[in-house]
PDB file of N, CA and C in Angstrom:
ATOM      1  N   MET A   1     126.946  79.751 145.139  1.00  0.00           N
ATOM      2  CA  MET A   1     127.472  79.065 143.977  1.00  0.00           C
ATOM      3  C   MET A   1     127.864  80.052 142.873  1.00  0.00           C
ATOM      4  N   THR A   2     127.108  81.147 142.745  1.00  0.00           N
ATOM      5  CA  THR A   2     127.405  82.135 141.718  1.00  0.00           C
ATOM      6  C   THR A   2     128.786  82.738 141.925  1.00  0.00           C
ATOM      7  N   GLN A   3     129.157  83.044 143.187  1.00  0.00           N
ATOM      8  CA  GLN A   3     130.466  83.624 143.457  1.00  0.00           C
ATOM      9  C   GLN A   3     131.587  82.679 143.056  1.00  0.00           C
ATOM     10  N   ILE A   4     131.409  81.388 143.304  1.00  0.00           N
ATOM     11  CA  ILE A   4     132.421  80.414 142.921  1.00  0.00           C
ATOM     12  C   ILE A   4     132.565  80.385 141.404  1.00  0.00           C
ATOM     13  N   MET A   5     131.454  80.388 140.696  1.00  0.00           N
ATOM     14  CA  MET A   5     131.504  80.388 139.244  1.00  0.00           C
ATOM     15  C   MET A   5     132.165  81.659 138.736  1.00  0.00           C
ATOM     16  N   ASP A   6     131.827  82.808 139.314  1.00  0.00           N
ATOM     17  CA  ASP A   6     132.443  84.057 138.899  1.00  0.00           C
ATOM     18  C   ASP A   6     133.951  84.021 139.130  1.00  0.00           C
ATOM     19  N   LYS A   7     134.371  83.504 140.261  1.00  0.00           N
ATOM     20  CA  LYS A   7     135.794  83.419 140.562  1.00  0.00           C
ATOM     21  C   LYS A   7     136.488  82.464 139.593  1.00  0.00           C
ATOM     22  N   GLU A   8     135.859  81.335 139.323  1.00  0.00           N
ATOM     23  CA  GLU A   8     136.431  80.375 138.384  1.00  0.00           C
ATOM     24  C   GLU A   8     136.518  80.966 136.980  1.00  0.00           C
ATOM     25  N   THR A   9     135.481  81.661 136.568  1.00  0.00           N
ATOM     26  CA  THR A   9     135.487  82.299 135.253  1.00  0.00           C
ATOM     27  C   THR A   9     136.584  83.343 135.189  1.00  0.00           C
ATOM     28  N   GLU A  10     136.708  84.115 136.240  1.00  0.00           N
ATOM     29  CA  GLU A  10     137.745  85.148 136.295  1.00  0.00           C
ATOM     30  C   GLU A  10     139.133  84.524 136.181  1.00  0.00           C
ATOM     31  N   GLU A  11     139.345  83.419 136.846  1.00  0.00           N
ATOM     32  CA  GLU A  11     140.637  82.738 136.757  1.00  0.00           C
ATOM     33  C   GLU A  11     140.913  82.267 135.339  1.00  0.00           C
ATOM     34  N   LEU A  12     139.901  81.787 134.655  1.00  0.00           N
ATOM     35  CA  LEU A  12     140.073  81.337 133.265  1.00  0.00           C
ATOM     36  C   LEU A  12     140.399  82.498 132.327  1.00  0.00           C
ATOM     37  N   MET A  13     139.963  83.704 132.699  1.00  0.00           N
ATOM     38  CA  MET A  13     140.174  84.889 131.872  1.00  0.00           C
ATOM     39  C   MET A  13     141.476  85.619 132.222  1.00  0.00           C
ATOM     40  N   THR A  14     142.229  85.096 133.166  1.00  0.00           N
ATOM     41  CA  THR A  14     143.451  85.752 133.632  1.00  0.00           C
ATOM     42  C   THR A  14     144.670  85.075 133.021  1.00  0.00           C
ATOM     43  N   PRO A  15     145.497  85.849 132.311  1.00  0.00           N
ATOM     44  CA  PRO A  15     146.717  85.259 131.751  1.00  0.00           C
ATOM     45  C   PRO A  15     147.686  84.870 132.869  1.00  0.00           C
ATOM     46  N   PRO A  16     148.339  83.727 132.737  1.00  0.00           N
ATOM     47  CA  PRO A  16     149.129  83.197 133.852  1.00  0.00           C
ATOM     48  C   PRO A  16     150.406  83.964 134.198  1.00  0.00           C
ATOM     49  N   TYR A  17     150.974  84.708 133.272  1.00  0.00           N
ATOM     50  CA  TYR A  17     152.273  85.338 133.533  1.00  0.00           C
ATOM     51  C   TYR A  17     152.211  86.847 133.676  1.00  0.00           C
ATOM     52  N   THR A  18     151.047  87.449 133.572  1.00  0.00           N
ATOM     53  CA  THR A  18     150.936  88.893 133.680  1.00  0.00           C
ATOM     54  C   THR A  18     151.064  89.313 135.137  1.00  0.00           C
ATOM     55  N   GLN A  19     151.976  90.255 135.410  1.00  0.00           N
ATOM     56  CA  GLN A  19     152.166  90.783 136.762  1.00  0.00           C
ATOM     57  C   GLN A  19     151.377  92.083 136.869  1.00  0.00           C
ATOM     58  N   VAL A  20     150.522  92.175 137.894  1.00  0.00           N
ATOM     59  CA  VAL A  20     149.630  93.330 138.013  1.00  0.00           C
ATOM     60  C   VAL A  20     149.587  93.878 139.431  1.00  0.00           C
ATOM     61  N   SER A  21     149.140  95.122 139.531  1.00  0.00           N
ATOM     62  CA  SER A  21     148.886  95.763 140.829  1.00  0.00           C
ATOM     63  C   SER A  21     147.438  95.491 141.216  1.00  0.00           C
ATOM     64  N   ASP A  22     147.122  94.236 141.487  1.00  0.00           N
ATOM     65  CA  ASP A  22     145.723  93.858 141.676  1.00  0.00           C
ATOM     66  C   ASP A  22     145.122  94.282 143.015  1.00  0.00           C
ATOM     67  N   LYS A  23     145.918  94.834 143.894  1.00  0.00           N
ATOM     68  CA  LYS A  23     145.392  95.345 145.172  1.00  0.00           C
ATOM     69  C   LYS A  23     144.996  96.815 145.075  1.00  0.00           C
ATOM     70  N   HIS A  24     145.394  97.476 144.006  1.00  0.00           N
ATOM     71  CA  HIS A  24     145.083  98.900 143.830  1.00  0.00           C
ATOM     72  C   HIS A  24     143.583  99.076 143.589  1.00  0.00           C
ATOM     73  N   PRO A  25     142.969 100.112 144.178  1.00  0.00           N
ATOM     74  CA  PRO A  25     141.525 100.317 144.020  1.00  0.00           C
ATOM     75  C   PRO A  25     141.066 100.503 142.568  1.00  0.00           C
ATOM     76  N   LEU A  26     141.953 100.952 141.691  1.00  0.00           N
ATOM     77  CA  LEU A  26     141.567 101.155 140.289  1.00  0.00           C
ATOM     78  C   LEU A  26     141.850  99.942 139.399  1.00  0.00           C
ATOM     79  N   TRP A  27     142.389  98.883 139.977  1.00  0.00           N
ATOM     80  CA  TRP A  27     142.783  97.728 139.175  1.00  0.00           C
ATOM     81  C   TRP A  27     141.631  97.156 138.355  1.00  0.00           C
ATOM     82  N   LEU A  28     140.475  96.970 138.953  1.00  0.00           N
ATOM     83  CA  LEU A  28     139.369  96.351 138.208  1.00  0.00           C
ATOM     84  C   LEU A  28     138.963  97.195 137.006  1.00  0.00           C
ATOM     85  N   GLU A  29     138.994  98.524 137.159  1.00  0.00           N
ATOM     86  CA  GLU A  29     138.675  99.397 136.030  1.00  0.00           C
ATOM     87  C   GLU A  29     139.759  99.329 134.957  1.00  0.00           C
ATOM     88  N   VAL A  30     141.011  99.296 135.387  1.00  0.00           N
ATOM     89  CA  VAL A  30     142.120  99.188 134.434  1.00  0.00           C
ATOM     90  C   VAL A  30     142.010  97.873 133.667  1.00  0.00           C
ATOM     91  N   ARG A  31     141.811  96.781 134.390  1.00  0.00           N
ATOM     92  CA  ARG A  31     141.673  95.480 133.732  1.00  0.00           C
ATOM     93  C   ARG A  31     140.504  95.475 132.757  1.00  0.00           C
ATOM     94  N   GLY A  32     139.389  96.043 133.170  1.00  0.00           N
ATOM     95  CA  GLY A  32     138.228  96.102 132.291  1.00  0.00           C
ATOM     96  C   GLY A  32     138.516  96.878 131.016  1.00  0.00           C
ATOM     97  N   ALA A  33     139.230  97.987 131.148  1.00  0.00           N
ATOM     98  CA  ALA A  33     139.579  98.791 129.974  1.00  0.00           C
ATOM     99  C   ALA A  33     140.528  98.021 129.061  1.00  0.00           C
ATOM    100  N   LEU A  34     141.495  97.333 129.636  1.00  0.00           N
ATOM    101  CA  LEU A  34     142.449  96.586 128.818  1.00  0.00           C
ATOM    102  C   LEU A  34     141.773  95.444 128.075  1.00  0.00           C
ATOM    103  N   ARG A  35     140.706  94.932 128.629  1.00  0.00           N
ATOM    104  CA  ARG A  35     139.954  93.870 127.938  1.00  0.00           C
ATOM    105  C   ARG A  35     139.151  94.406 126.751  1.00  0.00           C
ATOM    106  N   GLU A  36     139.130  95.713 126.582  1.00  0.00           N
ATOM    107  CA  GLU A  36     138.434  96.320 125.450  1.00  0.00           C
ATOM    108  C   GLU A  36     139.367  96.587 124.266  1.00  0.00           C
ATOM    109  N   VAL A  37     140.662  96.324 124.436  1.00  0.00           N
ATOM    110  CA  VAL A  37     141.635  96.587 123.377  1.00  0.00           C
ATOM    111  C   VAL A  37     141.915  95.289 122.628  1.00  0.00           C
ATOM    112  N   TYR A  38     141.691  95.322 121.316  1.00  0.00           N
ATOM    113  CA  TYR A  38     141.872  94.149 120.468  1.00  0.00           C
ATOM    114  C   TYR A  38     142.895  94.418 119.380  1.00  0.00           C
ATOM    115  N   ASP A  39     143.655  93.397 119.046  1.00  0.00           N
ATOM    116  CA  ASP A  39     144.480  93.423 117.850  1.00  0.00           C
ATOM    117  C   ASP A  39     143.499  93.255 116.687  1.00  0.00           C
ATOM    118  N   PRO A  40     143.569  94.102 115.666  1.00  0.00           N
ATOM    119  CA  PRO A  40     142.611  93.996 114.564  1.00  0.00           C
ATOM    120  C   PRO A  40     142.618  92.647 113.843  1.00  0.00           C
ATOM    121  N   GLU A  41     143.701  91.888 113.978  1.00  0.00           N
ATOM    122  CA  GLU A  41     143.803  90.611 113.271  1.00  0.00           C
ATOM    123  C   GLU A  41     143.406  89.401 114.119  1.00  0.00           C
ATOM    124  N   ILE A  42     143.227  89.597 115.435  1.00  0.00           N
ATOM    125  CA  ILE A  42     142.945  88.475 116.333  1.00  0.00           C
ATOM    126  C   ILE A  42     141.690  88.801 117.135  1.00  0.00           C
ATOM    127  N   PRO A  43     140.688  87.935 117.123  1.00  0.00           N
ATOM    128  CA  PRO A  43     139.422  88.226 117.803  1.00  0.00           C
ATOM    129  C   PRO A  43     139.426  87.974 119.314  1.00  0.00           C
ATOM    130  N   VAL A  44     140.549  88.271 119.980  1.00  0.00           N
ATOM    131  CA  VAL A  44     140.670  88.111 121.430  1.00  0.00           C
ATOM    132  C   VAL A  44     141.332  89.379 121.946  1.00  0.00           C
ATOM    133  N   ASN A  45     140.905  89.840 123.117  1.00  0.00           N
ATOM    134  CA  ASN A  45     141.497  91.077 123.647  1.00  0.00           C
ATOM    135  C   ASN A  45     142.950  90.865 124.074  1.00  0.00           C
ATOM    136  N   LEU A  46     143.699  91.962 124.098  1.00  0.00           N
ATOM    137  CA  LEU A  46     145.134  91.906 124.387  1.00  0.00           C
ATOM    138  C   LEU A  46     145.435  91.369 125.784  1.00  0.00           C
ATOM    139  N   TYR A  47     144.549  91.672 126.732  1.00  0.00           N
ATOM    140  CA  TYR A  47     144.769  91.194 128.104  1.00  0.00           C
ATOM    141  C   TYR A  47     144.740  89.666 128.143  1.00  0.00           C
ATOM    142  N   GLU A  48     143.697  89.071 127.601  1.00  0.00           N
ATOM    143  CA  GLU A  48     143.571  87.617 127.644  1.00  0.00           C
ATOM    144  C   GLU A  48     144.576  86.922 126.733  1.00  0.00           C
ATOM    145  N   LEU A  49     145.076  87.632 125.715  1.00  0.00           N
ATOM    146  CA  LEU A  49     146.145  87.070 124.890  1.00  0.00           C
ATOM    147  C   LEU A  49     147.456  86.967 125.660  1.00  0.00           C
ATOM    148  N   GLY A  50     147.536  87.644 126.801  1.00  0.00           N
ATOM    149  CA  GLY A  50     148.748  87.606 127.609  1.00  0.00           C
ATOM    150  C   GLY A  50     149.830  88.539 127.096  1.00  0.00           C
ATOM    151  N   LEU A  51     149.427  89.571 126.368  1.00  0.00           N
ATOM    152  CA  LEU A  51     150.400  90.505 125.803  1.00  0.00           C
ATOM    153  C   LEU A  51     150.890  91.538 126.812  1.00  0.00           C
ATOM    154  N   PHE A  52     150.214  91.667 127.934  1.00  0.00           N
ATOM    155  CA  PHE A  52     150.669  92.584 128.980  1.00  0.00           C
ATOM    156  C   PHE A  52     151.527  91.793 129.962  1.00  0.00           C
ATOM    157  N   TYR A  53     152.788  92.169 130.053  1.00  0.00           N
ATOM    158  CA  TYR A  53     153.698  91.481 130.957  1.00  0.00           C
ATOM    159  C   TYR A  53     153.646  92.072 132.359  1.00  0.00           C
ATOM    160  N   ARG A  54     153.554  93.399 132.425  1.00  0.00           N
ATOM    161  CA  ARG A  54     153.540  94.063 133.734  1.00  0.00           C
ATOM    162  C   ARG A  54     152.610  95.265 133.665  1.00  0.00           C
ATOM    163  N   ILE A  55     151.747  95.388 134.677  1.00  0.00           N
ATOM    164  CA  ILE A  55     150.832  96.519 134.796  1.00  0.00           C
ATOM    165  C   ILE A  55     150.963  97.034 136.223  1.00  0.00           C
ATOM    166  N   ASP A  56     151.672  98.152 136.377  1.00  0.00           N
ATOM    167  CA  ASP A  56     151.894  98.749 137.693  1.00  0.00           C
ATOM    168  C   ASP A  56     151.059 100.012 137.823  1.00  0.00           C
ATOM    169  N   ILE A  57     150.303 100.096 138.913  1.00  0.00           N
ATOM    170  CA  ILE A  57     149.543 101.311 139.218  1.00  0.00           C
ATOM    171  C   ILE A  57     150.160 101.903 140.477  1.00  0.00           C
ATOM    172  N   ASN A  58     150.681 103.114 140.360  1.00  0.00           N
ATOM    173  CA  ASN A  58     151.350 103.782 141.473  1.00  0.00           C
ATOM    174  C   ASN A  58     150.337 104.138 142.551  1.00  0.00           C
ATOM    175  N   GLU A  59     150.631 103.753 143.781  1.00  0.00           N
ATOM    176  CA  GLU A  59     149.720 103.998 144.913  1.00  0.00           C
ATOM    177  C   GLU A  59     149.530 105.480 145.214  1.00  0.00           C
ATOM    178  N   GLU A  60     150.544 106.304 144.965  1.00  0.00           N
ATOM    179  CA  GLU A  60     150.483 107.719 145.337  1.00  0.00           C
ATOM    180  C   GLU A  60     149.765 108.595 144.314  1.00  0.00           C
ATOM    181  N   ASN A  61     150.042 108.379 143.032  1.00  0.00           N
ATOM    182  CA  ASN A  61     149.481 109.283 142.022  1.00  0.00           C
ATOM    183  C   ASN A  61     148.622 108.593 140.967  1.00  0.00           C
ATOM    184  N   ASN A  62     148.442 107.299 141.099  1.00  0.00           N
ATOM    185  CA  ASN A  62     147.621 106.507 140.181  1.00  0.00           C
ATOM    186  C   ASN A  62     148.148 106.483 138.747  1.00  0.00           C
ATOM    187  N   ASP A  63     149.441 106.785 138.568  1.00  0.00           N
ATOM    188  CA  ASP A  63     150.050 106.620 137.253  1.00  0.00           C
ATOM    189  C   ASP A  63     150.129 105.131 136.937  1.00  0.00           C
ATOM    190  N   VAL A  64     150.027 104.808 135.660  1.00  0.00           N
ATOM    191  CA  VAL A  64     150.074 103.417 135.228  1.00  0.00           C
ATOM    192  C   VAL A  64     151.277 103.224 134.307  1.00  0.00           C
ATOM    193  N   ASP A  65     152.091 102.239 134.619  1.00  0.00           N
ATOM    194  CA  ASP A  65     153.215 101.857 133.770  1.00  0.00           C
ATOM    195  C   ASP A  65     152.952 100.445 133.267  1.00  0.00           C
ATOM    196  N   ILE A  66     152.960 100.311 131.956  1.00  0.00           N
ATOM    197  CA  ILE A  66     152.654  99.025 131.338  1.00  0.00           C
ATOM    198  C   ILE A  66     153.820  98.593 130.467  1.00  0.00           C
ATOM    199  N   GLN A  67     154.210  97.337 130.621  1.00  0.00           N
ATOM    200  CA  GLN A  67     155.119  96.704 129.686  1.00  0.00           C
ATOM    201  C   GLN A  67     154.311  95.642 128.970  1.00  0.00           C
ATOM    202  N   MET A  68     154.334  95.727 127.658  1.00  0.00           N
ATOM    203  CA  MET A  68     153.574  94.763 126.876  1.00  0.00           C
ATOM    204  C   MET A  68     154.400  94.331 125.682  1.00  0.00           C
ATOM    205  N   THR A  69     153.941  93.307 125.027  1.00  0.00           N
ATOM    206  CA  THR A  69     154.590  92.818 123.826  1.00  0.00           C
ATOM    207  C   THR A  69     153.534  92.638 122.755  1.00  0.00           C
ATOM    208  N   LEU A  70     153.936  92.096 121.659  1.00  0.00           N
ATOM    209  CA  LEU A  70     153.025  91.775 120.568  1.00  0.00           C
ATOM    210  C   LEU A  70     153.258  90.318 120.188  1.00  0.00           C
ATOM    211  N   THR A  71     152.336  89.747 119.460  1.00  0.00           N
ATOM    212  CA  THR A  71     152.492  88.346 119.085  1.00  0.00           C
ATOM    213  C   THR A  71     153.664  88.155 118.139  1.00  0.00           C
ATOM    214  N   SER A  72     154.045  89.233 117.424  1.00  0.00           N
ATOM    215  CA  SER A  72     155.156  89.157 116.483  1.00  0.00           C
ATOM    216  C   SER A  72     155.755  90.543 116.286  1.00  0.00           C
ATOM    217  N   PRO A  73     157.072  90.640 116.159  1.00  0.00           N
ATOM    218  CA  PRO A  73     157.684  91.938 115.857  1.00  0.00           C
ATOM    219  C   PRO A  73     157.217  92.499 114.504  1.00  0.00           C
ATOM    220  N   ALA A  74     156.713  91.645 113.647  1.00  0.00           N
ATOM    221  CA  ALA A  74     156.235  92.081 112.331  1.00  0.00           C
ATOM    222  C   ALA A  74     154.773  92.528 112.357  1.00  0.00           C
ATOM    223  N   CYS A  75     154.196  92.653 113.524  1.00  0.00           N
ATOM    224  CA  CYS A  75     152.797  93.065 113.656  1.00  0.00           C
ATOM    225  C   CYS A  75     152.577  94.398 112.930  1.00  0.00           C
ATOM    226  N   PRO A  76     151.623  94.457 112.000  1.00  0.00           N
ATOM    227  CA  PRO A  76     151.426  95.682 111.227  1.00  0.00           C
ATOM    228  C   PRO A  76     150.910  96.875 112.034  1.00  0.00           C
ATOM    229  N   VAL A  77     150.358  96.652 113.215  1.00  0.00           N
ATOM    230  CA  VAL A  77     149.869  97.761 114.034  1.00  0.00           C
ATOM    231  C   VAL A  77     150.750  97.998 115.260  1.00  0.00           C
ATOM    232  N   ALA A  78     151.991  97.533 115.211  1.00  0.00           N
ATOM    233  CA  ALA A  78     152.900  97.649 116.350  1.00  0.00           C
ATOM    234  C   ALA A  78     153.030  99.090 116.829  1.00  0.00           C
ATOM    235  N   GLY A  79     153.151 100.028 115.912  1.00  0.00           N
ATOM    236  CA  GLY A  79     153.317 101.425 116.293  1.00  0.00           C
ATOM    237  C   GLY A  79     152.071 102.048 116.878  1.00  0.00           C
ATOM    238  N   GLU A  80     150.919 101.491 116.562  1.00  0.00           N
ATOM    239  CA  GLU A  80     149.645 102.027 117.033  1.00  0.00           C
ATOM    240  C   GLU A  80     149.194 101.440 118.370  1.00  0.00           C
ATOM    241  N   MET A  81     149.693 100.264 118.708  1.00  0.00           N
ATOM    242  CA  MET A  81     149.186  99.544 119.874  1.00  0.00           C
ATOM    243  C   MET A  81     149.327 100.323 121.187  1.00  0.00           C
ATOM    244  N   PRO A  82     150.473 100.942 121.500  1.00  0.00           N
ATOM    245  CA  PRO A  82     150.546 101.704 122.758  1.00  0.00           C
ATOM    246  C   PRO A  82     149.495 102.815 122.825  1.00  0.00           C
ATOM    247  N   GLY A  83     149.262 103.498 121.731  1.00  0.00           N
ATOM    248  CA  GLY A  83     148.248 104.547 121.702  1.00  0.00           C
ATOM    249  C   GLY A  83     146.847 104.000 121.897  1.00  0.00           C
ATOM    250  N   MET A  84     146.579 102.824 121.347  1.00  0.00           N
ATOM    251  CA  MET A  84     145.266 102.197 121.531  1.00  0.00           C
ATOM    252  C   MET A  84     145.032 101.882 123.002  1.00  0.00           C
ATOM    253  N   VAL A  85     146.071 101.394 123.675  1.00  0.00           N
ATOM    254  CA  VAL A  85     145.975 101.075 125.105  1.00  0.00           C
ATOM    255  C   VAL A  85     145.768 102.355 125.908  1.00  0.00           C
ATOM    256  N   GLN A  86     146.567 103.378 125.628  1.00  0.00           N
ATOM    257  CA  GLN A  86     146.441 104.650 126.339  1.00  0.00           C
ATOM    258  C   GLN A  86     145.054 105.254 126.135  1.00  0.00           C
ATOM    259  N   ASP A  87     144.544 105.215 124.913  1.00  0.00           N
ATOM    260  CA  ASP A  87     143.220 105.776 124.635  1.00  0.00           C
ATOM    261  C   ASP A  87     142.132 105.095 125.447  1.00  0.00           C
ATOM    262  N   GLU A  88     142.235 103.801 125.610  1.00  0.00           N
ATOM    263  CA  GLU A  88     141.220 103.068 126.373  1.00  0.00           C
ATOM    264  C   GLU A  88     141.297 103.398 127.854  1.00  0.00           C
ATOM    265  N   LEU A  89     142.502 103.607 128.378  1.00  0.00           N
ATOM    266  CA  LEU A  89     142.672 103.877 129.804  1.00  0.00           C
ATOM    267  C   LEU A  89     142.383 105.320 130.184  1.00  0.00           C
ATOM    268  N   LYS A  90     142.469 106.246 129.251  1.00  0.00           N
ATOM    269  CA  LYS A  90     142.324 107.661 129.597  1.00  0.00           C
ATOM    270  C   LYS A  90     140.923 108.021 130.094  1.00  0.00           C
ATOM    271  N   ASN A  91     139.967 107.164 129.886  1.00  0.00           N
ATOM    272  CA  ASN A  91     138.600 107.430 130.327  1.00  0.00           C
ATOM    273  C   ASN A  91     138.335 107.027 131.772  1.00  0.00           C
ATOM    274  N   ILE A  92     139.335 106.462 132.440  1.00  0.00           N
ATOM    275  CA  ILE A  92     139.150 106.042 133.831  1.00  0.00           C
ATOM    276  C   ILE A  92     139.381 107.238 134.748  1.00  0.00           C
ATOM    277  N   LYS A  93     138.340 107.586 135.501  1.00  0.00           N
ATOM    278  CA  LYS A  93     138.413 108.709 136.433  1.00  0.00           C
ATOM    279  C   LYS A  93     139.479 108.437 137.490  1.00  0.00           C
ATOM    280  N   ASP A  94     140.230 109.451 137.821  1.00  0.00           N
ATOM    281  CA  ASP A  94     141.268 109.423 138.858  1.00  0.00           C
ATOM    282  C   ASP A  94     142.544 108.686 138.457  1.00  0.00           C
ATOM    283  N   LEU A  95     142.626 108.196 137.227  1.00  0.00           N
ATOM    284  CA  LEU A  95     143.850 107.555 136.778  1.00  0.00           C
ATOM    285  C   LEU A  95     144.842 108.639 136.375  1.00  0.00           C
ATOM    286  N   GLY A  96     146.105 108.441 136.729  1.00  0.00           N
ATOM    287  CA  GLY A  96     147.148 109.410 136.393  1.00  0.00           C
ATOM    288  C   GLY A  96     147.657 109.196 134.978  1.00  0.00           C
ATOM    289  N   LYS A  97     148.922 109.502 134.780  1.00  0.00           N
ATOM    290  CA  LYS A  97     149.551 109.325 133.476  1.00  0.00           C
ATOM    291  C   LYS A  97     149.657 107.838 133.149  1.00  0.00           C
ATOM    292  N   VAL A  98     149.583 107.542 131.854  1.00  0.00           N
ATOM    293  CA  VAL A  98     149.696 106.167 131.394  1.00  0.00           C
ATOM    294  C   VAL A  98     150.902 106.056 130.470  1.00  0.00           C
ATOM    295  N   SER A  99     151.807 105.168 130.823  1.00  0.00           N
ATOM    296  CA  SER A  99     152.989 104.901 130.017  1.00  0.00           C
ATOM    297  C   SER A  99     152.913 103.463 129.523  1.00  0.00           C
ATOM    298  N   VAL A 100     153.064 103.285 128.203  1.00  0.00           N
ATOM    299  CA  VAL A 100     153.016 101.945 127.617  1.00  0.00           C
ATOM    300  C   VAL A 100     154.311 101.712 126.850  1.00  0.00           C
ATOM    301  N   GLU A 101     155.023 100.685 127.243  1.00  0.00           N
ATOM    302  CA  GLU A 101     156.293 100.341 126.600  1.00  0.00           C
ATOM    303  C   GLU A 101     156.170  98.967 125.944  1.00  0.00           C
ATOM    304  N   ILE A 102     156.588  98.880 124.681  1.00  0.00           N
ATOM    305  CA  ILE A 102     156.643  97.594 123.991  1.00  0.00           C
ATOM    306  C   ILE A 102     157.999  96.959 124.302  1.00  0.00           C
ATOM    307  N   VAL A 103     157.973  95.713 124.775  1.00  0.00           N
ATOM    308  CA  VAL A 103     159.192  94.960 125.053  1.00  0.00           C
ATOM    309  C   VAL A 103     159.140  93.643 124.277  1.00  0.00           C
ATOM    310  N   TRP A 104     160.287  93.075 124.026  1.00  0.00           N
ATOM    311  CA  TRP A 104     160.351  91.835 123.232  1.00  0.00           C
ATOM    312  C   TRP A 104     160.904  90.663 124.021  1.00  0.00           C
ATOM    313  N   GLU A 105     161.297  90.905 125.260  1.00  0.00           N
ATOM    314  CA  GLU A 105     161.817  89.829 126.109  1.00  0.00           C
ATOM    315  C   GLU A 105     160.948  89.712 127.341  1.00  0.00           C
ATOM    316  N   PRO A 106     160.471  88.572 127.671  1.00  0.00           N
ATOM    317  CA  PRO A 106     160.613  87.341 126.907  1.00  0.00           C
ATOM    318  C   PRO A 106     159.730  87.374 125.663  1.00  0.00           C
ATOM    319  N   ALA A 107     160.087  86.590 124.702  1.00  0.00           N
ATOM    320  CA  ALA A 107     159.277  86.497 123.483  1.00  0.00           C
ATOM    321  C   ALA A 107     157.921  85.892 123.842  1.00  0.00           C
ATOM    322  N   TRP A 108     156.855  86.456 123.292  1.00  0.00           N
ATOM    323  CA  TRP A 108     155.510  85.949 123.546  1.00  0.00           C
ATOM    324  C   TRP A 108     155.347  84.577 122.906  1.00  0.00           C
ATOM    325  N   ASP A 109     154.599  83.724 123.579  1.00  0.00           N
ATOM    326  CA  ASP A 109     154.192  82.449 122.978  1.00  0.00           C
ATOM    327  C   ASP A 109     152.803  82.093 123.513  1.00  0.00           C
ATOM    328  N   PRO A 110     152.102  81.184 122.861  1.00  0.00           N
ATOM    329  CA  PRO A 110     150.721  80.878 123.236  1.00  0.00           C
ATOM    330  C   PRO A 110     150.509  80.413 124.673  1.00  0.00           C
ATOM    331  N   SER A 111     151.546  79.933 125.345  1.00  0.00           N
ATOM    332  CA  SER A 111     151.376  79.508 126.740  1.00  0.00           C
ATOM    333  C   SER A 111     151.063  80.692 127.648  1.00  0.00           C
ATOM    334  N   MET A 112     151.268  81.903 127.166  1.00  0.00           N
ATOM    335  CA  MET A 112     151.023  83.107 127.964  1.00  0.00           C
ATOM    336  C   MET A 112     149.558  83.537 127.940  1.00  0.00           C
ATOM    337  N   MET A 113     148.763  82.891 127.116  1.00  0.00           N
ATOM    338  CA  MET A 113     147.353  83.264 126.981  1.00  0.00           C
ATOM    339  C   MET A 113     146.523  82.722 128.140  1.00  0.00           C
ATOM    340  N   ALA A 114     145.464  83.451 128.452  1.00  0.00           N
ATOM    341  CA  ALA A 114     144.466  82.957 129.396  1.00  0.00           C
ATOM    342  C   ALA A 114     143.752  81.764 128.755  1.00  0.00           C
ATOM    343  N   GLU A 115     143.190  80.927 129.584  1.00  0.00           N
ATOM    344  CA  GLU A 115     142.484  79.748 129.075  1.00  0.00           C
ATOM    345  C   GLU A 115     141.339  80.125 128.132  1.00  0.00           C
ATOM    346  N   THR A 116     140.650  81.227 128.421  1.00  0.00           N
ATOM    347  CA  THR A 116     139.548  81.649 127.557  1.00  0.00           C
ATOM    348  C   THR A 116     140.045  82.005 126.165  1.00  0.00           C
ATOM    349  N   ALA A 117     141.227  82.626 126.066  1.00  0.00           N
ATOM    350  CA  ALA A 117     141.791  82.962 124.758  1.00  0.00           C
ATOM    351  C   ALA A 117     142.123  81.691 123.990  1.00  0.00           C
ATOM    352  N   LYS A 118     142.711  80.718 124.669  1.00  0.00           N
ATOM    353  CA  LYS A 118     143.039  79.448 124.024  1.00  0.00           C
ATOM    354  C   LYS A 118     141.775  78.764 123.508  1.00  0.00           C
ATOM    355  N   LEU A 119     140.736  78.800 124.324  1.00  0.00           N
ATOM    356  CA  LEU A 119     139.466  78.197 123.891  1.00  0.00           C
ATOM    357  C   LEU A 119     138.908  78.905 122.670  1.00  0.00           C
ATOM    358  N   HIS A 120     138.914  80.214 122.716  1.00  0.00           N
ATOM    359  CA  HIS A 120     138.359  81.004 121.617  1.00  0.00           C
ATOM    360  C   HIS A 120     139.111  80.754 120.313  1.00  0.00           C
ATOM    361  N   LEU A 121     140.413  80.558 120.400  1.00  0.00           N
ATOM    362  CA  LEU A 121     141.236  80.368 119.212  1.00  0.00           C
ATOM    363  C   LEU A 121     141.515  78.893 118.887  1.00  0.00           C
ATOM    364  N   ASN A 122     140.841  77.988 119.628  1.00  0.00           N
ATOM    365  CA  ASN A 122     141.034  76.537 119.436  1.00  0.00           C
ATOM    366  C   ASN A 122     142.498  76.144 119.499  1.00  0.00           C
ATOM    367  N   MET A 123     143.188  76.598 120.528  1.00  0.00           N
ATOM    368  CA  MET A 123     144.619  76.342 120.663  1.00  0.00           C
ATOM    369  C   MET A 123     144.911  75.413 121.836  1.00  0.00           C
ATOM    370  N   PHE A 124     144.312  74.234 121.803  1.00  0.00           N
ATOM    371  CA  PHE A 124     144.594  73.242 122.838  1.00  0.00           C
ATOM    372  C   PHE A 124     145.256  72.047 122.237  1.00  0.00           C
TER     373      PHE A 124
END
């Protein structure tokens, strides 16, 4: 029963539109690190907010390419966010280079959030 609950909880914590390299051996560590990055104005991590659109981990060299967005182009920490993500990932052993690109298409909206983020922010 515990495994079912863990799987269900994990599904609730997964944003519906984020594309990831979830078969890569380092994926769980990458995901865990991304869950440690928070927007200073929102008490939910960037991963569960659905701000990561694509997270690719290269099978050959373990380089990570990330496309992410922000909740608004007017975000006051927009310039700092890629560095915050890179800083969190650099502590993962065997991870290669990390590239973080901010993209604006598609525009982020609350439907991109994981269910746990919606619950935390009372957005139902």
